[in-house]
Amino acid sequence: MAFGGNGKIRTLHRIERPTLNTDYYINHILSSIETELCEDNEEKELIFMQDLSSVHTSKQTKLWLQEHNVNVMHDWPPKGPDMNPVENVWAELVRRLEIHWRQTGVRNRDQLWEDVLQVFHELPEEYFENLIRSMPRRVRTVSSKHGGWAKY
C-alpha cells in the first residue's frame, strides 16, 4: 500500500505485486497522484515526503520528481522513518482494523482491501491535520538529536 494526502485529498494505493520497483512506483503511484503533486500545487505549499527507500531515491524517481516540479523534502535524517507522519497513519489504521476484524472477521484479500479502504476513509480530517501540525515539533526534536532516533 502507498498513502498520500494533503489534508483534504487522501489516496490509498493497492500494490498488486510482492515487491515495489522504481518503474512501478513512477508509473502507478507517482503518476496517479501527479495532479495533486503538480497541477494543484502551483504555490509549492505541499511538500512531498518519502523515506530513503531505494525506490524513492533512484535516479529515475528523482528525475521524474524534478521534471514534474514536485516540491520534495530532500534532507531526510538517517532515522527519518521515525518522524514521518505516515508511520502514525499506518499504526492507527492497524489499530482500527484489528477492532473492525474482531467484529467482522476477514474472508479474503479483496475483503481485506475493502476493509482497509473503509477504515482509512473513516479517519477524521482532524487526525491528519494534527499530524501535519506536529511536523515542526518533529523536525526540532530530530534536529536536536542530530538526526538520531526520536520518539515519533
Protein backbone atom coordinates (compact mmCIF):
# COMPACT_ATOMS: atom_id res chain seq x y z
CA MET A 1 0.00 0.00 0.00
CA ALA A 2 1.02 3.57 -0.58
CA PHE A 3 -0.57 6.55 1.09
CA GLY A 4 -0.80 10.16 0.01
CA GLY A 5 -2.75 13.16 1.11
CA ASN A 6 -2.77 16.89 1.58
CA GLY A 7 -5.22 17.08 4.46
CA LYS A 8 -8.24 17.29 2.18
CA ILE A 9 -7.49 14.70 -0.52
CA ARG A 10 -6.42 11.24 0.63
CA THR A 11 -5.49 8.36 -1.57
CA LEU A 12 -4.53 4.81 -0.78
CA HIS A 13 -3.00 2.61 -3.46
CA ARG A 14 -3.14 -1.16 -3.55
CA ILE A 15 0.15 -2.50 -4.86
CA GLU A 16 -0.61 -5.71 -6.72
CA ARG A 17 2.86 -7.21 -6.61
CA PRO A 18 5.09 -8.75 -3.97
CA THR A 19 7.81 -6.09 -4.29
CA LEU A 20 7.86 -2.48 -5.36
CA ASN A 21 10.32 -1.36 -8.03
CA THR A 22 11.10 2.07 -9.46
CA ASP A 23 9.14 1.61 -12.69
CA TYR A 24 6.00 0.56 -10.82
CA TYR A 25 6.43 3.38 -8.31
CA ILE A 26 6.68 6.03 -11.04
CA ASN A 27 4.08 4.61 -13.43
CA HIS A 28 1.45 3.58 -10.89
CA ILE A 29 1.97 5.60 -7.73
CA LEU A 30 3.53 8.93 -8.69
CA SER A 31 1.64 9.25 -11.96
CA SER A 32 -1.66 8.58 -10.19
CA ILE A 33 -1.10 11.48 -7.78
CA GLU A 34 0.50 13.78 -10.34
CA THR A 35 -2.44 16.22 -10.31
CA GLU A 36 -2.22 16.73 -6.54
CA LEU A 37 1.59 16.93 -6.60
CA CYS A 38 1.96 19.21 -9.60
CA GLU A 39 -1.10 20.94 -11.03
CA ASP A 40 -2.85 21.58 -7.71
CA ASN A 41 0.40 22.66 -6.06
CA GLU A 42 1.50 25.63 -8.14
CA GLU A 43 2.18 27.65 -4.97
CA LYS A 44 4.52 24.86 -3.77
CA GLU A 45 2.62 24.70 -0.49
CA LEU A 46 2.56 20.90 -0.47
CA ILE A 47 5.81 19.16 0.39
CA PHE A 48 6.17 15.60 -0.87
CA MET A 49 7.67 13.30 1.76
CA GLN A 50 9.07 9.84 1.26
CA ASP A 51 11.67 7.84 3.12
CA LEU A 52 15.09 6.73 1.91
CA SER A 53 13.85 3.55 0.23
CA SER A 54 15.86 2.75 -2.91
CA VAL A 55 12.67 3.11 -4.96
CA HIS A 56 12.24 6.65 -3.64
CA THR A 57 15.88 7.66 -4.09
CA SER A 58 16.55 6.12 -7.51
CA LYS A 59 17.84 8.35 -10.31
CA GLN A 60 14.65 7.72 -12.30
CA THR A 61 12.39 8.74 -9.39
CA LYS A 62 14.43 11.87 -8.67
CA LEU A 63 14.34 12.80 -12.35
CA TRP A 64 10.55 12.29 -12.57
CA LEU A 65 10.00 14.47 -9.49
CA GLN A 66 12.32 17.15 -10.84
CA GLU A 67 10.73 17.13 -14.32
CA HIS A 68 7.29 17.50 -12.72
CA ASN A 69 8.45 20.30 -10.39
CA VAL A 70 7.41 18.42 -7.26
CA ASN A 71 8.36 20.15 -4.01
CA VAL A 72 10.23 17.34 -2.21
CA MET A 73 11.62 17.16 1.31
CA HIS A 74 15.20 16.17 0.40
CA ASP A 75 17.09 16.29 3.67
CA TRP A 76 15.69 13.22 5.36
CA PRO A 77 17.56 12.26 8.55
CA PRO A 78 19.12 8.78 8.91
CA LYS A 79 16.37 7.71 11.32
CA GLY A 80 13.76 9.53 9.24
CA PRO A 81 11.03 6.91 9.16
CA ASP A 82 10.60 7.52 12.88
CA MET A 83 9.43 11.08 12.23
CA ASN A 84 7.37 10.52 9.09
CA PRO A 85 3.69 11.02 9.99
CA VAL A 86 2.71 8.23 7.61
CA GLU A 87 4.05 5.79 10.22
CA ASN A 88 1.43 7.13 12.63
CA VAL A 89 -1.25 6.67 9.97
CA TRP A 90 -0.24 3.02 9.43
CA ALA A 91 -0.26 2.35 13.19
CA GLU A 92 -3.70 3.94 13.63
CA LEU A 93 -5.03 2.07 10.60
CA VAL A 94 -3.81 -1.27 12.01
CA ARG A 95 -5.27 -0.48 15.44
CA ARG A 96 -8.69 0.31 13.96
CA LEU A 97 -8.59 -2.67 11.59
CA GLU A 98 -7.91 -5.05 14.47
CA ILE A 99 -11.04 -3.75 16.22
CA HIS A 100 -13.04 -3.99 12.99
CA TRP A 101 -11.88 -7.56 12.29
CA ARG A 102 -12.72 -8.75 15.79
CA GLN A 103 -16.31 -7.86 14.91
CA THR A 104 -16.41 -8.96 11.27
CA GLY A 105 -13.51 -11.29 10.50
CA VAL A 106 -11.54 -11.29 7.25
CA ARG A 107 -12.74 -13.56 4.46
CA ASN A 108 -10.33 -12.95 1.57
CA ARG A 109 -7.83 -10.47 0.10
CA ASP A 110 -10.47 -8.40 -1.66
CA GLN A 111 -12.49 -8.07 1.55
CA LEU A 112 -9.29 -7.15 3.37
CA TRP A 113 -8.70 -4.34 0.86
CA GLU A 114 -12.29 -3.10 1.19
CA ASP A 115 -11.93 -3.05 4.98
CA VAL A 116 -8.65 -1.13 4.72
CA LEU A 117 -10.27 1.46 2.44
CA GLN A 118 -13.29 1.82 4.70
CA VAL A 119 -11.27 2.29 7.87
CA PHE A 120 -8.81 4.61 6.10
CA HIS A 121 -11.57 6.90 4.88
CA GLU A 122 -13.16 6.92 8.34
CA LEU A 123 -10.05 8.56 9.78
CA PRO A 124 -11.14 12.14 10.52
CA GLU A 125 -9.58 15.07 8.69
CA GLU A 126 -8.58 16.46 12.09
CA TYR A 127 -6.35 13.42 12.65
CA PHE A 128 -4.33 14.26 9.52
CA GLU A 129 -4.27 17.97 10.35
CA ASN A 130 -2.83 17.20 13.79
CA LEU A 131 -0.10 15.10 12.19
CA ILE A 132 0.75 17.91 9.79
CA ARG A 133 0.83 20.43 12.64
CA SER A 134 3.21 18.14 14.53
CA MET A 135 5.89 18.37 11.82
CA PRO A 136 7.73 21.46 13.17
CA ARG A 137 7.99 19.76 16.57
CA ARG A 138 9.17 16.53 14.96
CA VAL A 139 11.82 18.36 12.93
CA ARG A 140 13.06 20.25 16.02
CA THR A 141 13.27 17.01 18.01
CA VAL A 142 15.21 15.12 15.34
CA SER A 143 17.44 18.15 14.75
CA SER A 144 18.24 18.38 18.47
CA LYS A 145 19.30 14.72 18.29
CA HIS A 146 21.49 15.42 15.22
CA GLY A 147 19.38 13.19 13.01
CA GLY A 148 19.22 10.37 15.53
CA TRP A 149 16.25 8.41 16.84
CA ALA A 150 13.23 10.36 18.07
CA LYS A 151 10.11 9.21 19.90
CA TYR A 152 7.94 9.60 16.81
